[in-house]
Each structure stands twice: as structure tokens, then as C-alpha cells.
Amino acid sequence: MVVKPKFGNWLSVETFNALDKYILITMEKPWKIIEPNVSNKPAIIKFNYNMDLNNLNQKFNGFEPFITENYAIVGIGGGTA
């Protein structure tokens, strides 16, 4: 289910803490900023710095077996998240 984006300070922390299970796509700096405030840690964290299609396919294939109806996939950070 696609949800309309929300904007504001620390909304990602509130969202992560409310999720059941999730996979996080991010970069190291944004994660280091919010990680101390996230009590519900992601099942998988993938750091992405490359938008090349082959790279994205490899990342997806790495966590595809974990994706079920109970998982959310979320991204935080700049353009590569």
C-alpha cells in the first residue's frame, strides 16, 4: 500500500517506532542522526550510494526473501535512498 508522504521534524522516528517490521534503505549519515531515537530497529538496513540499475537489482535480490505482507520498505536520506 502506498501512503501519501508526510513532512516534518522527526516524523521518521515516529513512523519507524510504529511499524511492525521494516527494511530500511538509507545512507550512513541520516541513519546515524536518527538511530539513537529509534526503538524499533529495522530488520535489514541497506546503505545505498549508487542508483545504477544493476546495483539496485542486487540490493533488492539480497532482501527479497524477507519481503512479506508484514514488511514495509522505507527510505530516508538524500536522492539515493
PDB file of N, CA and C in Angstrom:
ATOM      1  N   MET A   1       0.844  -1.175   0.000  1.00  0.00           N
ATOM      2  CA  MET A   1       0.000   0.000   0.000  1.00  0.00           C
ATOM      3  C   MET A   1       0.889   1.238   0.000  1.00  0.00           C
ATOM      4  N   VAL A   2       0.694   2.121  -0.919  1.00  0.00           N
ATOM      5  CA  VAL A   2       1.439   3.370  -0.986  1.00  0.00           C
ATOM      6  C   VAL A   2       0.710   4.403  -0.137  1.00  0.00           C
ATOM      7  N   VAL A   3       1.480   5.127   0.664  1.00  0.00           N
ATOM      8  CA  VAL A   3       0.902   6.118   1.570  1.00  0.00           C
ATOM      9  C   VAL A   3       1.398   7.497   1.162  1.00  0.00           C
ATOM     10  N   LYS A   4       0.532   8.491   1.233  1.00  0.00           N
ATOM     11  CA  LYS A   4       0.908   9.862   0.910  1.00  0.00           C
ATOM     12  C   LYS A   4       2.032  10.316   1.842  1.00  0.00           C
ATOM     13  N   PRO A   5       3.098  10.933   1.305  1.00  0.00           N
ATOM     14  CA  PRO A   5       4.217  11.379   2.145  1.00  0.00           C
ATOM     15  C   PRO A   5       3.780  12.426   3.176  1.00  0.00           C
ATOM     16  N   LYS A   6       4.443  12.379   4.331  1.00  0.00           N
ATOM     17  CA  LYS A   6       4.258  13.387   5.379  1.00  0.00           C
ATOM     18  C   LYS A   6       5.579  14.116   5.541  1.00  0.00           C
ATOM     19  N   PHE A   7       5.527  15.365   5.945  1.00  0.00           N
ATOM     20  CA  PHE A   7       6.727  16.158   6.114  1.00  0.00           C
ATOM     21  C   PHE A   7       6.751  16.754   7.511  1.00  0.00           C
ATOM     22  N   GLY A   8       7.946  16.868   8.096  1.00  0.00           N
ATOM     23  CA  GLY A   8       8.086  17.490   9.407  1.00  0.00           C
ATOM     24  C   GLY A   8       9.274  16.914  10.152  1.00  0.00           C
ATOM     25  N   ASN A   9       9.614  17.533  11.259  1.00  0.00           N
ATOM     26  CA  ASN A   9      10.754  17.111  12.062  1.00  0.00           C
ATOM     27  C   ASN A   9      10.463  15.816  12.809  1.00  0.00           C
ATOM     28  N   TRP A  10      11.368  14.868  12.717  1.00  0.00           N
ATOM     29  CA  TRP A  10      11.363  13.612  13.464  1.00  0.00           C
ATOM     30  C   TRP A  10      10.180  12.701  13.144  1.00  0.00           C
ATOM     31  N   LEU A  11       9.449  12.958  12.064  1.00  0.00           N
ATOM     32  CA  LEU A  11       8.344  12.077  11.698  1.00  0.00           C
ATOM     33  C   LEU A  11       8.831  10.667  11.371  1.00  0.00           C
ATOM     34  N   SER A  12      10.039  10.562  10.838  1.00  0.00           N
ATOM     35  CA  SER A  12      10.555   9.233  10.504  1.00  0.00           C
ATOM     36  C   SER A  12      10.716   8.389  11.757  1.00  0.00           C
ATOM     37  N   VAL A  13      11.163   8.974  12.853  1.00  0.00           N
ATOM     38  CA  VAL A  13      11.333   8.229  14.103  1.00  0.00           C
ATOM     39  C   VAL A  13       9.977   7.718  14.580  1.00  0.00           C
ATOM     40  N   GLU A  14       8.976   8.575  14.579  1.00  0.00           N
ATOM     41  CA  GLU A  14       7.625   8.166  14.990  1.00  0.00           C
ATOM     42  C   GLU A  14       7.108   7.045  14.094  1.00  0.00           C
ATOM     43  N   THR A  15       7.340   7.168  12.807  1.00  0.00           N
ATOM     44  CA  THR A  15       6.870   6.164  11.852  1.00  0.00           C
ATOM     45  C   THR A  15       7.575   4.835  12.075  1.00  0.00           C
ATOM     46  N   PHE A  16       8.903   4.846  12.196  1.00  0.00           N
ATOM     47  CA  PHE A  16       9.654   3.604  12.406  1.00  0.00           C
ATOM     48  C   PHE A  16       9.214   2.899  13.683  1.00  0.00           C
ATOM     49  N   ASN A  17       9.021   3.659  14.741  1.00  0.00           N
ATOM     50  CA  ASN A  17       8.633   3.059  16.016  1.00  0.00           C
ATOM     51  C   ASN A  17       7.220   2.480  15.969  1.00  0.00           C
ATOM     52  N   ALA A  18       6.406   2.928  15.027  1.00  0.00           N
ATOM     53  CA  ALA A  18       5.036   2.430  14.908  1.00  0.00           C
ATOM     54  C   ALA A  18       4.918   1.238  13.940  1.00  0.00           C
ATOM     55  N   LEU A  19       5.949   0.980  13.158  1.00  0.00           N
ATOM     56  CA  LEU A  19       5.892  -0.116  12.187  1.00  0.00           C
ATOM     57  C   LEU A  19       6.046  -1.473  12.867  1.00  0.00           C
ATOM     58  N   ASP A  20       5.494  -2.495  12.218  1.00  0.00           N
ATOM     59  CA  ASP A  20       5.675  -3.857  12.707  1.00  0.00           C
ATOM     60  C   ASP A  20       7.089  -4.315  12.350  1.00  0.00           C
ATOM     61  N   LYS A  21       7.327  -4.583  11.070  1.00  0.00           N
ATOM     62  CA  LYS A  21       8.647  -4.983  10.583  1.00  0.00           C
ATOM     63  C   LYS A  21       8.946  -4.155   9.338  1.00  0.00           C
ATOM     64  N   TYR A  22      10.210  -3.767   9.195  1.00  0.00           N
ATOM     65  CA  TYR A  22      10.535  -2.969   8.018  1.00  0.00           C
ATOM     66  C   TYR A  22      11.985  -3.134   7.609  1.00  0.00           C
ATOM     67  N   ILE A  23      12.221  -2.821   6.342  1.00  0.00           N
ATOM     68  CA  ILE A  23      13.546  -2.799   5.742  1.00  0.00           C
ATOM     69  C   ILE A  23      13.851  -1.335   5.461  1.00  0.00           C
ATOM     70  N   LEU A  24      15.035  -0.895   5.837  1.00  0.00           N
ATOM     71  CA  LEU A  24      15.420   0.499   5.678  1.00  0.00           C
ATOM     72  C   LEU A  24      16.472   0.643   4.594  1.00  0.00           C
ATOM     73  N   ILE A  25      16.221   1.544   3.642  1.00  0.00           N
ATOM     74  CA  ILE A  25      17.192   1.924   2.623  1.00  0.00           C
ATOM     75  C   ILE A  25      17.613   3.350   2.960  1.00  0.00           C
ATOM     76  N   THR A  26      18.905   3.556   3.151  1.00  0.00           N
ATOM     77  CA  THR A  26      19.370   4.865   3.598  1.00  0.00           C
ATOM     78  C   THR A  26      20.840   5.050   3.255  1.00  0.00           C
ATOM     79  N   MET A  27      21.418   6.049   3.855  1.00  0.00           N
ATOM     80  CA  MET A  27      22.853   6.299   3.814  1.00  0.00           C
ATOM     81  C   MET A  27      23.312   6.417   5.268  1.00  0.00           C
ATOM     82  N   GLU A  28      24.603   6.279   5.520  1.00  0.00           N
ATOM     83  CA  GLU A  28      25.102   6.222   6.893  1.00  0.00           C
ATOM     84  C   GLU A  28      24.802   7.486   7.701  1.00  0.00           C
ATOM     85  N   LYS A  29      24.990   8.662   7.135  1.00  0.00           N
ATOM     86  CA  LYS A  29      24.803   9.894   7.908  1.00  0.00           C
ATOM     87  C   LYS A  29      23.370  10.095   8.393  1.00  0.00           C
ATOM     88  N   PRO A  30      22.353   9.982   7.513  1.00  0.00           N
ATOM     89  CA  PRO A  30      20.990  10.154   8.032  1.00  0.00           C
ATOM     90  C   PRO A  30      20.633   9.119   9.105  1.00  0.00           C
ATOM     91  N   TRP A  31      21.088   7.870   8.926  1.00  0.00           N
ATOM     92  CA  TRP A  31      20.780   6.839   9.906  1.00  0.00           C
ATOM     93  C   TRP A  31      21.440   7.151  11.251  1.00  0.00           C
ATOM     94  N   LYS A  32      22.680   7.630  11.236  1.00  0.00           N
ATOM     95  CA  LYS A  32      23.365   7.974  12.493  1.00  0.00           C
ATOM     96  C   LYS A  32      22.649   9.087  13.244  1.00  0.00           C
ATOM     97  N   ILE A  33      21.995   9.984  12.520  1.00  0.00           N
ATOM     98  CA  ILE A  33      21.284  11.089  13.167  1.00  0.00           C
ATOM     99  C   ILE A  33      20.051  10.584  13.917  1.00  0.00           C
ATOM    100  N   ILE A  34      19.271   9.724  13.281  1.00  0.00           N
ATOM    101  CA  ILE A  34      18.011   9.331  13.918  1.00  0.00           C
ATOM    102  C   ILE A  34      18.098   8.023  14.702  1.00  0.00           C
ATOM    103  N   GLU A  35      19.086   7.201  14.437  1.00  0.00           N
ATOM    104  CA  GLU A  35      19.170   5.862  15.032  1.00  0.00           C
ATOM    105  C   GLU A  35      19.046   5.854  16.560  1.00  0.00           C
ATOM    106  N   PRO A  36      19.682   6.791  17.293  1.00  0.00           N
ATOM    107  CA  PRO A  36      19.546   6.748  18.759  1.00  0.00           C
ATOM    108  C   PRO A  36      18.102   6.919  19.256  1.00  0.00           C
ATOM    109  N   ASN A  37      17.250   7.514  18.436  1.00  0.00           N
ATOM    110  CA  ASN A  37      15.862   7.752  18.831  1.00  0.00           C
ATOM    111  C   ASN A  37      14.888   6.683  18.337  1.00  0.00           C
ATOM    112  N   VAL A  38      15.383   5.724  17.576  1.00  0.00           N
ATOM    113  CA  VAL A  38      14.519   4.673  17.027  1.00  0.00           C
ATOM    114  C   VAL A  38      14.570   3.465  17.956  1.00  0.00           C
ATOM    115  N   SER A  39      13.448   3.158  18.588  1.00  0.00           N
ATOM    116  CA  SER A  39      13.401   1.995  19.478  1.00  0.00           C
ATOM    117  C   SER A  39      13.086   0.710  18.715  1.00  0.00           C
ATOM    118  N   ASN A  40      12.377   0.825  17.608  1.00  0.00           N
ATOM    119  CA  ASN A  40      12.021  -0.316  16.770  1.00  0.00           C
ATOM    120  C   ASN A  40      12.992  -0.352  15.589  1.00  0.00           C
ATOM    121  N   LYS A  41      14.093  -1.071  15.754  1.00  0.00           N
ATOM    122  CA  LYS A  41      15.134  -1.106  14.726  1.00  0.00           C
ATOM    123  C   LYS A  41      14.671  -1.901  13.503  1.00  0.00           C
ATOM    124  N   PRO A  42      15.172  -1.545  12.314  1.00  0.00           N
ATOM    125  CA  PRO A  42      14.801  -2.273  11.107  1.00  0.00           C
ATOM    126  C   PRO A  42      15.335  -3.705  11.111  1.00  0.00           C
ATOM    127  N   ALA A  43      14.622  -4.577  10.428  1.00  0.00           N
ATOM    128  CA  ALA A  43      15.081  -5.961  10.284  1.00  0.00           C
ATOM    129  C   ALA A  43      16.331  -6.006   9.414  1.00  0.00           C
ATOM    130  N   ILE A  44      16.369  -5.151   8.411  1.00  0.00           N
ATOM    131  CA  ILE A  44      17.502  -5.068   7.479  1.00  0.00           C
ATOM    132  C   ILE A  44      17.760  -3.602   7.182  1.00  0.00           C
ATOM    133  N   ILE A  45      19.043  -3.238   7.149  1.00  0.00           N
ATOM    134  CA  ILE A  45      19.447  -1.899   6.724  1.00  0.00           C
ATOM    135  C   ILE A  45      20.350  -2.071   5.514  1.00  0.00           C
ATOM    136  N   LYS A  46      20.027  -1.375   4.449  1.00  0.00           N
ATOM    137  CA  LYS A  46      20.874  -1.354   3.253  1.00  0.00           C
ATOM    138  C   LYS A  46      21.298   0.080   3.002  1.00  0.00           C
ATOM    139  N   PHE A  47      22.601   0.305   2.962  1.00  0.00           N
ATOM    140  CA  PHE A  47      23.130   1.623   2.627  1.00  0.00           C
ATOM    141  C   PHE A  47      23.315   1.668   1.111  1.00  0.00           C
ATOM    142  N   ASN A  48      22.785   2.684   0.493  1.00  0.00           N
ATOM    143  CA  ASN A  48      22.863   2.787  -0.958  1.00  0.00           C
ATOM    144  C   ASN A  48      23.497   4.111  -1.361  1.00  0.00           C
ATOM    145  N   TYR A  49      24.465   4.034  -2.263  1.00  0.00           N
ATOM    146  CA  TYR A  49      25.142   5.230  -2.762  1.00  0.00           C
ATOM    147  C   TYR A  49      25.165   5.270  -4.282  1.00  0.00           C
ATOM    148  N   ASN A  50      24.533   4.294  -4.915  1.00  0.00           N
ATOM    149  CA  ASN A  50      24.650   4.151  -6.351  1.00  0.00           C
ATOM    150  C   ASN A  50      23.270   3.844  -6.925  1.00  0.00           C
ATOM    151  N   MET A  51      22.818   4.646  -7.855  1.00  0.00           N
ATOM    152  CA  MET A  51      21.500   4.465  -8.453  1.00  0.00           C
ATOM    153  C   MET A  51      21.536   3.656  -9.748  1.00  0.00           C
ATOM    154  N   ASP A  52      22.672   3.054 -10.066  1.00  0.00           N
ATOM    155  CA  ASP A  52      22.783   2.192 -11.228  1.00  0.00           C
ATOM    156  C   ASP A  52      21.789   1.038 -11.101  1.00  0.00           C
ATOM    157  N   LEU A  53      21.085   0.725 -12.174  1.00  0.00           N
ATOM    158  CA  LEU A  53      20.044  -0.293 -12.136  1.00  0.00           C
ATOM    159  C   LEU A  53      20.575  -1.654 -11.672  1.00  0.00           C
ATOM    160  N   ASN A  54      21.761  -2.038 -12.111  1.00  0.00           N
ATOM    161  CA  ASN A  54      22.338  -3.315 -11.674  1.00  0.00           C
ATOM    162  C   ASN A  54      22.568  -3.323 -10.163  1.00  0.00           C
ATOM    163  N   ASN A  55      23.042  -2.216  -9.617  1.00  0.00           N
ATOM    164  CA  ASN A  55      23.252  -2.111  -8.175  1.00  0.00           C
ATOM    165  C   ASN A  55      21.920  -2.238  -7.420  1.00  0.00           C
ATOM    166  N   LEU A  56      20.903  -1.556  -7.913  1.00  0.00           N
ATOM    167  CA  LEU A  56      19.594  -1.609  -7.250  1.00  0.00           C
ATOM    168  C   LEU A  56      19.008  -3.015  -7.298  1.00  0.00           C
ATOM    169  N   ASN A  57      19.159  -3.695  -8.421  1.00  0.00           N
ATOM    170  CA  ASN A  57      18.681  -5.073  -8.530  1.00  0.00           C
ATOM    171  C   ASN A  57      19.403  -5.992  -7.552  1.00  0.00           C
ATOM    172  N   GLN A  58      20.717  -5.823  -7.397  1.00  0.00           N
ATOM    173  CA  GLN A  58      21.478  -6.634  -6.452  1.00  0.00           C
ATOM    174  C   GLN A  58      21.003  -6.392  -5.020  1.00  0.00           C
ATOM    175  N   LYS A  59      20.769  -5.142  -4.673  1.00  0.00           N
ATOM    176  CA  LYS A  59      20.282  -4.829  -3.324  1.00  0.00           C
ATOM    177  C   LYS A  59      18.924  -5.473  -3.088  1.00  0.00           C
ATOM    178  N   PHE A  60      18.018  -5.331  -4.067  1.00  0.00           N
ATOM    179  CA  PHE A  60      16.694  -5.908  -3.925  1.00  0.00           C
ATOM    180  C   PHE A  60      16.769  -7.426  -3.777  1.00  0.00           C
ATOM    181  N   ASN A  61      17.569  -8.067  -4.611  1.00  0.00           N
ATOM    182  CA  ASN A  61      17.682  -9.522  -4.547  1.00  0.00           C
ATOM    183  C   ASN A  61      18.212  -9.986  -3.191  1.00  0.00           C
ATOM    184  N   GLY A  62      18.985  -9.148  -2.522  1.00  0.00           N
ATOM    185  CA  GLY A  62      19.523  -9.507  -1.211  1.00  0.00           C
ATOM    186  C   GLY A  62      18.470  -9.568  -0.117  1.00  0.00           C
ATOM    187  N   PHE A  63      17.424  -8.774  -0.216  1.00  0.00           N
ATOM    188  CA  PHE A  63      16.396  -8.827   0.828  1.00  0.00           C
ATOM    189  C   PHE A  63      15.037  -9.304   0.342  1.00  0.00           C
ATOM    190  N   GLU A  64      14.929  -9.661  -0.920  1.00  0.00           N
ATOM    191  CA  GLU A  64      13.655 -10.151  -1.458  1.00  0.00           C
ATOM    192  C   GLU A  64      13.074 -11.315  -0.657  1.00  0.00           C
ATOM    193  N   PRO A  65      13.879 -12.282  -0.188  1.00  0.00           N
ATOM    194  CA  PRO A  65      13.292 -13.396   0.574  1.00  0.00           C
ATOM    195  C   PRO A  65      12.612 -12.959   1.882  1.00  0.00           C
ATOM    196  N   PHE A  66      12.958 -11.796   2.402  1.00  0.00           N
ATOM    197  CA  PHE A  66      12.385 -11.325   3.658  1.00  0.00           C
ATOM    198  C   PHE A  66      11.065 -10.587   3.457  1.00  0.00           C
ATOM    199  N   ILE A  67      10.776 -10.192   2.231  1.00  0.00           N
ATOM    200  CA  ILE A  67       9.606  -9.358   1.981  1.00  0.00           C
ATOM    201  C   ILE A  67       8.336 -10.204   2.027  1.00  0.00           C
ATOM    202  N   THR A  68       7.470  -9.846   2.940  1.00  0.00           N
ATOM    203  CA  THR A  68       6.153 -10.467   3.050  1.00  0.00           C
ATOM    204  C   THR A  68       5.145  -9.337   3.216  1.00  0.00           C
ATOM    205  N   GLU A  69       3.905  -9.688   3.389  1.00  0.00           N
ATOM    206  CA  GLU A  69       2.884  -8.665   3.597  1.00  0.00           C
ATOM    207  C   GLU A  69       3.122  -7.879   4.879  1.00  0.00           C
ATOM    208  N   ASN A  70       3.879  -8.445   5.806  1.00  0.00           N
ATOM    209  CA  ASN A  70       4.106  -7.794   7.093  1.00  0.00           C
ATOM    210  C   ASN A  70       5.259  -6.802   7.076  1.00  0.00           C
ATOM    211  N   TYR A  71       5.991  -6.714   5.973  1.00  0.00           N
ATOM    212  CA  TYR A  71       7.153  -5.844   5.895  1.00  0.00           C
ATOM    213  C   TYR A  71       6.843  -4.566   5.144  1.00  0.00           C
ATOM    214  N   ALA A  72       7.393  -3.473   5.650  1.00  0.00           N
ATOM    215  CA  ALA A  72       7.385  -2.199   4.935  1.00  0.00           C
ATOM    216  C   ALA A  72       8.804  -1.963   4.442  1.00  0.00           C
ATOM    217  N   ILE A  73       8.947  -1.259   3.339  1.00  0.00           N
ATOM    218  CA  ILE A  73      10.253  -0.841   2.844  1.00  0.00           C
ATOM    219  C   ILE A  73      10.243   0.673   2.888  1.00  0.00           C
ATOM    220  N   VAL A  74      11.176   1.248   3.646  1.00  0.00           N
ATOM    221  CA  VAL A  74      11.218   2.700   3.816  1.00  0.00           C
ATOM    222  C   VAL A  74      12.604   3.219   3.473  1.00  0.00           C
ATOM    223  N   GLY A  75      12.660   4.487   3.073  1.00  0.00           N
ATOM    224  CA  GLY A  75      13.923   5.121   2.750  1.00  0.00           C
ATOM    225  C   GLY A  75      14.031   6.465   3.435  1.00  0.00           C
ATOM    226  N   ILE A  76      15.223   6.769   3.937  1.00  0.00           N
ATOM    227  CA  ILE A  76      15.498   8.091   4.491  1.00  0.00           C
ATOM    228  C   ILE A  76      16.818   8.592   3.930  1.00  0.00           C
ATOM    229  N   GLY A  77      16.909   9.896   3.758  1.00  0.00           N
ATOM    230  CA  GLY A  77      18.158  10.476   3.291  1.00  0.00           C
ATOM    231  C   GLY A  77      17.971  11.183   1.973  1.00  0.00           C
ATOM    232  N   GLY A  78      19.083  11.321   1.277  1.00  0.00           N
ATOM    233  CA  GLY A  78      19.088  12.039   0.013  1.00  0.00           C
ATOM    234  C   GLY A  78      18.555  11.226  -1.139  1.00  0.00           C
ATOM    235  N   GLY A  79      18.912  11.591  -2.341  1.00  0.00           N
ATOM    236  CA  GLY A  79      18.353  11.012  -3.545  1.00  0.00           C
ATOM    237  C   GLY A  79      18.584   9.535  -3.742  1.00  0.00           C
ATOM    238  N   THR A  80      19.597   8.948  -3.122  1.00  0.00           N
ATOM    239  CA  THR A  80      19.824   7.527  -3.340  1.00  0.00           C
ATOM    240  C   THR A  80      19.002   6.632  -2.427  1.00  0.00           C
ATOM    241  N   ALA A  81      18.365   7.198  -1.421  1.00  0.00           N
ATOM    242  CA  ALA A  81      17.506   6.375  -0.544  1.00  0.00           C
ATOM    243  C   ALA A  81      16.230   6.039  -1.277  1.00  0.00           C
TER     244      ALA A  81
END
